[in-house]
PDB file of all heavy atoms in Angstrom:
ATOM      1  N   LEU A   1       0.816  -1.210   0.000  1.00  0.00           N
ATOM      2  CA  LEU A   1       0.000   0.000   0.000  1.00  0.00           C
ATOM      3  C   LEU A   1       0.853   1.265   0.000  1.00  0.00           C
ATOM      4  O   LEU A   1       1.913   1.315   0.621  1.00  0.00           O
ATOM      5  CB  LEU A   1      -0.883   0.037   1.252  1.00  0.00           C
ATOM      6  CG  LEU A   1      -2.126  -0.840   1.280  1.00  0.00           C
ATOM      7  CD1 LEU A   1      -2.749  -0.775   2.669  1.00  0.00           C
ATOM      8  CD2 LEU A   1      -3.112  -0.369   0.226  1.00  0.00           C
ATOM      9  N   PHE A   2       0.339   2.290  -0.668  1.00  0.00           N
ATOM     10  CA  PHE A   2       0.937   3.619  -0.651  1.00  0.00           C
ATOM     11  C   PHE A   2      -0.161   4.646  -0.374  1.00  0.00           C
ATOM     12  O   PHE A   2      -1.350   4.326  -0.410  1.00  0.00           O
ATOM     13  CB  PHE A   2       1.614   3.929  -1.987  1.00  0.00           C
ATOM     14  CG  PHE A   2       2.837   3.099  -2.266  1.00  0.00           C
ATOM     15  CD1 PHE A   2       2.715   1.823  -2.808  1.00  0.00           C
ATOM     16  CD2 PHE A   2       4.101   3.580  -1.982  1.00  0.00           C
ATOM     17  CE1 PHE A   2       3.829   1.055  -3.072  1.00  0.00           C
ATOM     18  CE2 PHE A   2       5.231   2.814  -2.237  1.00  0.00           C
ATOM     19  CZ  PHE A   2       5.096   1.548  -2.787  1.00  0.00           C
ATOM     20  N   THR A   3       0.248   5.871  -0.135  1.00  0.00           N
ATOM     21  CA  THR A   3      -0.725   6.908   0.225  1.00  0.00           C
ATOM     22  C   THR A   3      -1.515   7.424  -0.967  1.00  0.00           C
ATOM     23  O   THR A   3      -2.555   8.057  -0.779  1.00  0.00           O
ATOM     24  CB  THR A   3      -0.023   8.085   0.916  1.00  0.00           C
ATOM     25  OG1 THR A   3       1.090   8.510   0.109  1.00  0.00           O
ATOM     26  CG2 THR A   3       0.482   7.681   2.293  1.00  0.00           C
ATOM     27  N   SER A   4      -1.055   7.194  -2.177  1.00  0.00           N
ATOM     28  CA  SER A   4      -1.801   7.581  -3.380  1.00  0.00           C
ATOM     29  C   SER A   4      -1.266   6.802  -4.565  1.00  0.00           C
ATOM     30  O   SER A   4      -0.170   6.219  -4.509  1.00  0.00           O
ATOM     31  CB  SER A   4      -1.685   9.086  -3.652  1.00  0.00           C
ATOM     32  OG  SER A   4      -0.394   9.408  -4.150  1.00  0.00           O
ATOM     33  N   GLY A   5      -2.026   6.826  -5.654  1.00  0.00           N
ATOM     34  CA  GLY A   5      -1.546   6.207  -6.880  1.00  0.00           C
ATOM     35  C   GLY A   5      -0.331   6.915  -7.438  1.00  0.00           C
ATOM     36  O   GLY A   5       0.557   6.288  -8.026  1.00  0.00           O
ATOM     37  N   TYR A   6      -0.278   8.234  -7.271  1.00  0.00           N
ATOM     38  CA  TYR A   6       0.887   8.992  -7.719  1.00  0.00           C
ATOM     39  C   TYR A   6       2.139   8.502  -6.991  1.00  0.00           C
ATOM     40  O   TYR A   6       3.175   8.225  -7.615  1.00  0.00           O
ATOM     41  CB  TYR A   6       0.675  10.487  -7.457  1.00  0.00           C
ATOM     42  CG  TYR A   6       1.715  11.380  -8.097  1.00  0.00           C
ATOM     43  CD1 TYR A   6       1.416  12.118  -9.240  1.00  0.00           C
ATOM     44  CD2 TYR A   6       3.001  11.491  -7.579  1.00  0.00           C
ATOM     45  CE1 TYR A   6       2.360  12.930  -9.846  1.00  0.00           C
ATOM     46  CE2 TYR A   6       3.958  12.292  -8.174  1.00  0.00           C
ATOM     47  CZ  TYR A   6       3.636  13.016  -9.308  1.00  0.00           C
ATOM     48  OH  TYR A   6       4.593  13.811  -9.910  1.00  0.00           O
ATOM     49  N   VAL A   7       2.021   8.374  -5.674  1.00  0.00           N
ATOM     50  CA  VAL A   7       3.180   7.966  -4.877  1.00  0.00           C
ATOM     51  C   VAL A   7       3.586   6.532  -5.200  1.00  0.00           C
ATOM     52  O   VAL A   7       4.784   6.219  -5.270  1.00  0.00           O
ATOM     53  CB  VAL A   7       2.887   8.131  -3.375  1.00  0.00           C
ATOM     54  CG1 VAL A   7       4.028   7.555  -2.537  1.00  0.00           C
ATOM     55  CG2 VAL A   7       2.681   9.603  -3.033  1.00  0.00           C
ATOM     56  N   SER A   8       2.616   5.651  -5.420  1.00  0.00           N
ATOM     57  CA  SER A   8       2.990   4.265  -5.715  1.00  0.00           C
ATOM     58  C   SER A   8       3.758   4.169  -7.026  1.00  0.00           C
ATOM     59  O   SER A   8       4.746   3.419  -7.125  1.00  0.00           O
ATOM     60  CB  SER A   8       1.752   3.355  -5.734  1.00  0.00           C
ATOM     61  OG  SER A   8       0.768   3.816  -6.622  1.00  0.00           O
ATOM     62  N   ASN A   9       3.354   4.922  -8.038  1.00  0.00           N
ATOM     63  CA  ASN A   9       4.104   4.930  -9.298  1.00  0.00           C
ATOM     64  C   ASN A   9       5.484   5.553  -9.108  1.00  0.00           C
ATOM     65  O   ASN A   9       6.499   5.004  -9.567  1.00  0.00           O
ATOM     66  CB  ASN A   9       3.335   5.709 -10.367  1.00  0.00           C
ATOM     67  CG  ASN A   9       2.427   4.836 -11.198  1.00  0.00           C
ATOM     68  OD1 ASN A   9       2.659   3.639 -11.359  1.00  0.00           O
ATOM     69  ND2 ASN A   9       1.372   5.421 -11.742  1.00  0.00           N
ATOM     70  N   TRP A  10       5.510   6.711  -8.485  1.00  0.00           N
ATOM     71  CA  TRP A  10       6.777   7.420  -8.302  1.00  0.00           C
ATOM     72  C   TRP A  10       7.765   6.567  -7.506  1.00  0.00           C
ATOM     73  O   TRP A  10       8.938   6.432  -7.877  1.00  0.00           O
ATOM     74  CB  TRP A  10       6.514   8.743  -7.575  1.00  0.00           C
ATOM     75  CG  TRP A  10       7.747   9.537  -7.272  1.00  0.00           C
ATOM     76  CD1 TRP A  10       8.403  10.396  -8.104  1.00  0.00           C
ATOM     77  CD2 TRP A  10       8.488   9.524  -6.043  1.00  0.00           C
ATOM     78  NE1 TRP A  10       9.504  10.931  -7.468  1.00  0.00           N
ATOM     79  CE2 TRP A  10       9.575  10.405  -6.205  1.00  0.00           C
ATOM     80  CE3 TRP A  10       8.332   8.864  -4.816  1.00  0.00           C
ATOM     81  CZ2 TRP A  10      10.502  10.641  -5.189  1.00  0.00           C
ATOM     82  CZ3 TRP A  10       9.255   9.093  -3.812  1.00  0.00           C
ATOM     83  CH2 TRP A  10      10.320   9.971  -4.005  1.00  0.00           C
ATOM     84  N   ALA A  11       7.285   5.969  -6.421  1.00  0.00           N
ATOM     85  CA  ALA A  11       8.176   5.201  -5.553  1.00  0.00           C
ATOM     86  C   ALA A  11       8.601   3.880  -6.186  1.00  0.00           C
ATOM     87  O   ALA A  11       9.787   3.511  -6.143  1.00  0.00           O
ATOM     88  CB  ALA A  11       7.483   4.944  -4.215  1.00  0.00           C
ATOM     89  N   ALA A  12       7.664   3.160  -6.786  1.00  0.00           N
ATOM     90  CA  ALA A  12       7.987   1.842  -7.325  1.00  0.00           C
ATOM     91  C   ALA A  12       8.890   1.950  -8.548  1.00  0.00           C
ATOM     92  O   ALA A  12       9.921   1.264  -8.641  1.00  0.00           O
ATOM     93  CB  ALA A  12       6.706   1.087  -7.667  1.00  0.00           C
ATOM     94  N   LEU A  13       8.517   2.794  -9.506  1.00  0.00           N
ATOM     95  CA  LEU A  13       9.343   2.945 -10.699  1.00  0.00           C
ATOM     96  C   LEU A  13      10.704   3.551 -10.356  1.00  0.00           C
ATOM     97  O   LEU A  13      11.738   3.111 -10.882  1.00  0.00           O
ATOM     98  CB  LEU A  13       8.627   3.819 -11.730  1.00  0.00           C
ATOM     99  CG  LEU A  13       7.574   3.108 -12.578  1.00  0.00           C
ATOM    100  CD1 LEU A  13       6.724   4.122 -13.330  1.00  0.00           C
ATOM    101  CD2 LEU A  13       8.219   2.133 -13.554  1.00  0.00           C
ATOM    102  N   GLY A  14      10.688   4.551  -9.485  1.00  0.00           N
ATOM    103  CA  GLY A  14      11.950   5.181  -9.104  1.00  0.00           C
ATOM    104  C   GLY A  14      12.895   4.217  -8.428  1.00  0.00           C
ATOM    105  O   GLY A  14      14.112   4.247  -8.661  1.00  0.00           O
ATOM    106  N   THR A  15      12.356   3.346  -7.587  1.00  0.00           N
ATOM    107  CA  THR A  15      13.188   2.390  -6.861  1.00  0.00           C
ATOM    108  C   THR A  15      13.703   1.283  -7.780  1.00  0.00           C
ATOM    109  O   THR A  15      14.894   0.956  -7.781  1.00  0.00           O
ATOM    110  CB  THR A  15      12.391   1.780  -5.697  1.00  0.00           C
ATOM    111  OG1 THR A  15      11.970   2.820  -4.818  1.00  0.00           O
ATOM    112  CG2 THR A  15      13.229   0.768  -4.929  1.00  0.00           C
ATOM    113  N   LEU A  16      12.829   0.700  -8.574  1.00  0.00           N
ATOM    114  CA  LEU A  16      13.246  -0.382  -9.463  1.00  0.00           C
ATOM    115  C   LEU A  16      14.304   0.080 -10.459  1.00  0.00           C
ATOM    116  O   LEU A  16      15.351  -0.558 -10.623  1.00  0.00           O
ATOM    117  CB  LEU A  16      12.031  -0.934 -10.223  1.00  0.00           C
ATOM    118  CG  LEU A  16      11.029  -1.750  -9.412  1.00  0.00           C
ATOM    119  CD1 LEU A  16       9.785  -2.033 -10.246  1.00  0.00           C
ATOM    120  CD2 LEU A  16      11.662  -3.052  -8.926  1.00  0.00           C
ATOM    121  N   ALA A  17      14.024   1.195 -11.123  1.00  0.00           N
ATOM    122  CA  ALA A  17      14.933   1.658 -12.173  1.00  0.00           C
ATOM    123  C   ALA A  17      16.268   2.133 -11.608  1.00  0.00           C
ATOM    124  O   ALA A  17      17.312   1.996 -12.261  1.00  0.00           O
ATOM    125  CB  ALA A  17      14.277   2.775 -12.975  1.00  0.00           C
ATOM    126  N   ALA A  18      16.249   2.666 -10.389  1.00  0.00           N
ATOM    127  CA  ALA A  18      17.492   3.152  -9.788  1.00  0.00           C
ATOM    128  C   ALA A  18      18.359   2.017  -9.262  1.00  0.00           C
ATOM    129  O   ALA A  18      19.587   2.079  -9.344  1.00  0.00           O
ATOM    130  CB  ALA A  18      17.179   4.129  -8.655  1.00  0.00           C
ATOM    131  N   ARG A  19      17.742   0.977  -8.740  1.00  0.00           N
ATOM    132  CA  ARG A  19      18.497  -0.049  -8.024  1.00  0.00           C
ATOM    133  C   ARG A  19      18.864  -1.262  -8.869  1.00  0.00           C
ATOM    134  O   ARG A  19      19.790  -1.989  -8.533  1.00  0.00           O
ATOM    135  CB  ARG A  19      17.736  -0.483  -6.768  1.00  0.00           C
ATOM    136  CG  ARG A  19      17.735   0.641  -5.722  1.00  0.00           C
ATOM    137  CD  ARG A  19      17.373   0.127  -4.355  1.00  0.00           C
ATOM    138  NE  ARG A  19      17.682   1.135  -3.342  1.00  0.00           N
ATOM    139  CZ  ARG A  19      18.768   1.130  -2.564  1.00  0.00           C
ATOM    140  NH1 ARG A  19      19.667   0.167  -2.710  1.00  0.00           N
ATOM    141  NH2 ARG A  19      18.956   2.082  -1.667  1.00  0.00           N
ATOM    142  N   ILE A  20      18.119  -1.502  -9.951  1.00  0.00           N
ATOM    143  CA  ILE A  20      18.513  -2.592 -10.848  1.00  0.00           C
ATOM    144  C   ILE A  20      19.684  -2.099 -11.697  1.00  0.00           C
ATOM    145  O   ILE A  20      19.559  -1.105 -12.418  1.00  0.00           O
ATOM    146  CB  ILE A  20      17.341  -3.009 -11.754  1.00  0.00           C
ATOM    147  CG1 ILE A  20      16.188  -3.561 -10.911  1.00  0.00           C
ATOM    148  CG2 ILE A  20      17.787  -4.053 -12.777  1.00  0.00           C
ATOM    149  CD1 ILE A  20      14.927  -3.858 -11.705  1.00  0.00           C
ATOM    150  N   PRO A  21      20.827  -2.742 -11.635  1.00  0.00           N
ATOM    151  CA  PRO A  21      22.016  -2.238 -12.338  1.00  0.00           C
ATOM    152  C   PRO A  21      21.789  -2.120 -13.845  1.00  0.00           C
ATOM    153  O   PRO A  21      21.262  -3.035 -14.485  1.00  0.00           O
ATOM    154  CB  PRO A  21      23.094  -3.284 -12.020  1.00  0.00           C
ATOM    155  CG  PRO A  21      22.614  -3.964 -10.764  1.00  0.00           C
ATOM    156  CD  PRO A  21      21.127  -3.955 -10.849  1.00  0.00           C
ATOM    157  N   ASP A  22      22.167  -0.949 -14.387  1.00  0.00           N
ATOM    158  CA  ASP A  22      22.123  -0.708 -15.832  1.00  0.00           C
ATOM    159  C   ASP A  22      20.721  -0.894 -16.416  1.00  0.00           C
ATOM    160  O   ASP A  22      20.556  -1.287 -17.573  1.00  0.00           O
ATOM    161  CB  ASP A  22      23.116  -1.626 -16.557  1.00  0.00           C
ATOM    162  CG  ASP A  22      23.373  -1.181 -18.003  1.00  0.00           C
ATOM    163  OD1 ASP A  22      23.318   0.044 -18.259  1.00  0.00           O
ATOM    164  OD2 ASP A  22      23.602  -2.051 -18.860  1.00  0.00           O
ATOM    165  N   CYS A  23      19.701  -0.589 -15.634  1.00  0.00           N
ATOM    166  CA  CYS A  23      18.322  -0.790 -16.089  1.00  0.00           C
ATOM    167  C   CYS A  23      17.945   0.246 -17.146  1.00  0.00           C
ATOM    168  O   CYS A  23      18.206   1.450 -16.989  1.00  0.00           O
ATOM    169  CB  CYS A  23      17.355  -0.687 -14.911  1.00  0.00           C
ATOM    170  SG  CYS A  23      15.636  -1.013 -15.341  1.00  0.00           S
ATOM    171  N   LEU A  24      17.328  -0.225 -18.218  1.00  0.00           N
ATOM    172  CA  LEU A  24      16.770   0.653 -19.243  1.00  0.00           C
ATOM    173  C   LEU A  24      15.256   0.647 -19.101  1.00  0.00           C
ATOM    174  O   LEU A  24      14.626  -0.415 -19.120  1.00  0.00           O
ATOM    175  CB  LEU A  24      17.150   0.164 -20.648  1.00  0.00           C
ATOM    176  CG  LEU A  24      16.435   0.860 -21.814  1.00  0.00           C
ATOM    177  CD1 LEU A  24      16.859   2.327 -21.907  1.00  0.00           C
ATOM    178  CD2 LEU A  24      16.704   0.130 -23.124  1.00  0.00           C
ATOM    179  N   VAL A  25      14.666   1.836 -18.968  1.00  0.00           N
ATOM    180  CA  VAL A  25      13.216   1.944 -18.871  1.00  0.00           C
ATOM    181  C   VAL A  25      12.660   2.373 -20.221  1.00  0.00           C
ATOM    182  O   VAL A  25      13.098   3.371 -20.798  1.00  0.00           O
ATOM    183  CB  VAL A  25      12.790   2.957 -17.793  1.00  0.00           C
ATOM    184  CG1 VAL A  25      11.272   3.008 -17.686  1.00  0.00           C
ATOM    185  CG2 VAL A  25      13.412   2.604 -16.448  1.00  0.00           C
ATOM    186  N   LEU A  26      11.707   1.608 -20.718  1.00  0.00           N
ATOM    187  CA  LEU A  26      11.023   1.951 -21.963  1.00  0.00           C
ATOM    188  C   LEU A  26       9.611   2.395 -21.592  1.00  0.00           C
ATOM    189  O   LEU A  26       8.788   1.594 -21.132  1.00  0.00           O
ATOM    190  CB  LEU A  26      10.995   0.762 -22.919  1.00  0.00           C
ATOM    191  CG  LEU A  26      12.410   0.316 -23.352  1.00  0.00           C
ATOM    192  CD1 LEU A  26      12.751  -1.029 -22.712  1.00  0.00           C
ATOM    193  CD2 LEU A  26      12.529   0.249 -24.854  1.00  0.00           C
ATOM    194  N   SER A  27       9.344   3.681 -21.771  1.00  0.00           N
ATOM    195  CA  SER A  27       8.128   4.299 -21.262  1.00  0.00           C
ATOM    196  C   SER A  27       7.227   4.748 -22.409  1.00  0.00           C
ATOM    197  O   SER A  27       7.682   5.437 -23.338  1.00  0.00           O
ATOM    198  CB  SER A  27       8.500   5.500 -20.378  1.00  0.00           C
ATOM    199  OG  SER A  27       7.363   6.170 -19.903  1.00  0.00           O
ATOM    200  N   ASP A  28       5.943   4.368 -22.347  1.00  0.00           N
ATOM    201  CA  ASP A  28       4.984   4.820 -23.347  1.00  0.00           C
ATOM    202  C   ASP A  28       4.908   6.345 -23.336  1.00  0.00           C
ATOM    203  O   ASP A  28       4.949   6.979 -22.278  1.00  0.00           O
ATOM    204  CB  ASP A  28       3.599   4.225 -23.048  1.00  0.00           C
ATOM    205  CG  ASP A  28       2.585   4.557 -24.123  1.00  0.00           C
ATOM    206  OD1 ASP A  28       2.069   5.701 -24.128  1.00  0.00           O
ATOM    207  OD2 ASP A  28       2.296   3.697 -24.975  1.00  0.00           O
ATOM    208  N   ALA A  29       4.749   6.938 -24.513  1.00  0.00           N
ATOM    209  CA  ALA A  29       4.791   8.397 -24.648  1.00  0.00           C
ATOM    210  C   ALA A  29       3.673   9.103 -23.897  1.00  0.00           C
ATOM    211  O   ALA A  29       3.809  10.285 -23.559  1.00  0.00           O
ATOM    212  CB  ALA A  29       4.737   8.783 -26.128  1.00  0.00           C
ATOM    213  N   LEU A  30       2.584   8.409 -23.596  1.00  0.00           N
ATOM    214  CA  LEU A  30       1.460   9.054 -22.915  1.00  0.00           C
ATOM    215  C   LEU A  30       1.301   8.589 -21.471  1.00  0.00           C
ATOM    216  O   LEU A  30       0.226   8.744 -20.877  1.00  0.00           O
ATOM    217  CB  LEU A  30       0.160   8.819 -23.690  1.00  0.00           C
ATOM    218  CG  LEU A  30       0.062   9.495 -25.062  1.00  0.00           C
ATOM    219  CD1 LEU A  30      -1.344   9.349 -25.632  1.00  0.00           C
ATOM    220  CD2 LEU A  30       0.449  10.969 -24.992  1.00  0.00           C
ATOM    221  N   ASN A  31       2.368   8.057 -20.894  1.00  0.00           N
ATOM    222  CA  ASN A  31       2.293   7.643 -19.498  1.00  0.00           C
ATOM    223  C   ASN A  31       1.986   8.819 -18.581  1.00  0.00           C
ATOM    224  O   ASN A  31       2.331   9.966 -18.868  1.00  0.00           O
ATOM    225  CB  ASN A  31       3.607   6.990 -19.063  1.00  0.00           C
ATOM    226  CG  ASN A  31       3.671   5.521 -19.407  1.00  0.00           C
ATOM    227  OD1 ASN A  31       2.650   4.886 -19.695  1.00  0.00           O
ATOM    228  ND2 ASN A  31       4.867   4.950 -19.389  1.00  0.00           N
ATOM    229  N   HIS A  32       1.364   8.500 -17.446  1.00  0.00           N
ATOM    230  CA  HIS A  32       0.973   9.506 -16.463  1.00  0.00           C
ATOM    231  C   HIS A  32       2.194  10.207 -15.869  1.00  0.00           C
ATOM    232  O   HIS A  32       3.292   9.645 -15.807  1.00  0.00           O
ATOM    233  CB  HIS A  32       0.159   8.838 -15.347  1.00  0.00           C
ATOM    234  CG  HIS A  32      -0.470   9.792 -14.401  1.00  0.00           C
ATOM    235  ND1 HIS A  32       0.100  10.131 -13.198  1.00  0.00           N
ATOM    236  CD2 HIS A  32      -1.634  10.491 -14.483  1.00  0.00           C
ATOM    237  CE1 HIS A  32      -0.688  10.987 -12.559  1.00  0.00           C
ATOM    238  NE2 HIS A  32      -1.747  11.227 -13.325  1.00  0.00           N
ATOM    239  N   ALA A  33       1.970  11.439 -15.407  1.00  0.00           N
ATOM    240  CA  ALA A  33       3.053  12.244 -14.827  1.00  0.00           C
ATOM    241  C   ALA A  33       3.755  11.522 -13.685  1.00  0.00           C
ATOM    242  O   ALA A  33       4.974  11.661 -13.502  1.00  0.00           O
ATOM    243  CB  ALA A  33       2.501  13.585 -14.348  1.00  0.00           C
ATOM    244  N   SER A  34       3.019  10.753 -12.888  1.00  0.00           N
ATOM    245  CA  SER A  34       3.634  10.056 -11.763  1.00  0.00           C
ATOM    246  C   SER A  34       4.638   9.013 -12.237  1.00  0.00           C
ATOM    247  O   SER A  34       5.680   8.801 -11.593  1.00  0.00           O
ATOM    248  CB  SER A  34       2.555   9.383 -10.914  1.00  0.00           C
ATOM    249  OG  SER A  34       1.781   8.483 -11.699  1.00  0.00           O
ATOM    250  N   MET A  35       4.352   8.365 -13.357  1.00  0.00           N
ATOM    251  CA  MET A  35       5.288   7.396 -13.913  1.00  0.00           C
ATOM    252  C   MET A  35       6.515   8.111 -14.461  1.00  0.00           C
ATOM    253  O   MET A  35       7.663   7.690 -14.236  1.00  0.00           O
ATOM    254  CB  MET A  35       4.609   6.573 -15.006  1.00  0.00           C
ATOM    255  CG  MET A  35       3.363   5.837 -14.539  1.00  0.00           C
ATOM    256  SD  MET A  35       2.482   4.995 -15.870  1.00  0.00           S
ATOM    257  CE  MET A  35       3.536   3.574 -16.149  1.00  0.00           C
ATOM    258  N   ILE A  36       6.276   9.201 -15.162  1.00  0.00           N
ATOM    259  CA  ILE A  36       7.372   9.978 -15.735  1.00  0.00           C
ATOM    260  C   ILE A  36       8.298  10.482 -14.640  1.00  0.00           C
ATOM    261  O   ILE A  36       9.532  10.384 -14.739  1.00  0.00           O
ATOM    262  CB  ILE A  36       6.814  11.143 -16.566  1.00  0.00           C
ATOM    263  CG1 ILE A  36       6.052  10.615 -17.782  1.00  0.00           C
ATOM    264  CG2 ILE A  36       7.934  12.094 -16.997  1.00  0.00           C
ATOM    265  CD1 ILE A  36       5.233  11.656 -18.507  1.00  0.00           C
ATOM    266  N   GLU A  37       7.715  11.017 -13.560  1.00  0.00           N
ATOM    267  CA  GLU A  37       8.537  11.557 -12.472  1.00  0.00           C
ATOM    268  C   GLU A  37       9.309  10.458 -11.754  1.00  0.00           C
ATOM    269  O   GLU A  37      10.462  10.659 -11.342  1.00  0.00           O
ATOM    270  CB  GLU A  37       7.657  12.321 -11.485  1.00  0.00           C
ATOM    271  CG  GLU A  37       7.127  13.639 -12.017  1.00  0.00           C
ATOM    272  CD  GLU A  37       8.239  14.596 -12.415  1.00  0.00           C
ATOM    273  OE1 GLU A  37       9.262  14.668 -11.713  1.00  0.00           O
ATOM    274  OE2 GLU A  37       8.094  15.260 -13.453  1.00  0.00           O
ATOM    275  N   GLY A  38       8.706   9.301 -11.582  1.00  0.00           N
ATOM    276  CA  GLY A  38       9.422   8.203 -10.956  1.00  0.00           C
ATOM    277  C   GLY A  38      10.613   7.752 -11.781  1.00  0.00           C
ATOM    278  O   GLY A  38      11.703   7.497 -11.249  1.00  0.00           O
ATOM    279  N   ILE A  39      10.413   7.682 -13.092  1.00  0.00           N
ATOM    280  CA  ILE A  39      11.499   7.281 -13.989  1.00  0.00           C
ATOM    281  C   ILE A  39      12.605   8.334 -13.981  1.00  0.00           C
ATOM    282  O   ILE A  39      13.798   8.000 -13.918  1.00  0.00           O
ATOM    283  CB  ILE A  39      10.952   7.042 -15.410  1.00  0.00           C
ATOM    284  CG1 ILE A  39       9.985   5.844 -15.408  1.00  0.00           C
ATOM    285  CG2 ILE A  39      12.093   6.807 -16.398  1.00  0.00           C
ATOM    286  CD1 ILE A  39       9.121   5.743 -16.643  1.00  0.00           C
TER     287      ILE A  39
END
């Protein structure tokens, strides 16, 4: 659980992409701002 959908995207994407070594994120062009900010 997270406090909002924005936070869950920001925290989960930010953590996965930062901590997986040499991770490449492929993001759809119309993804929500929370996903973009997390990435």
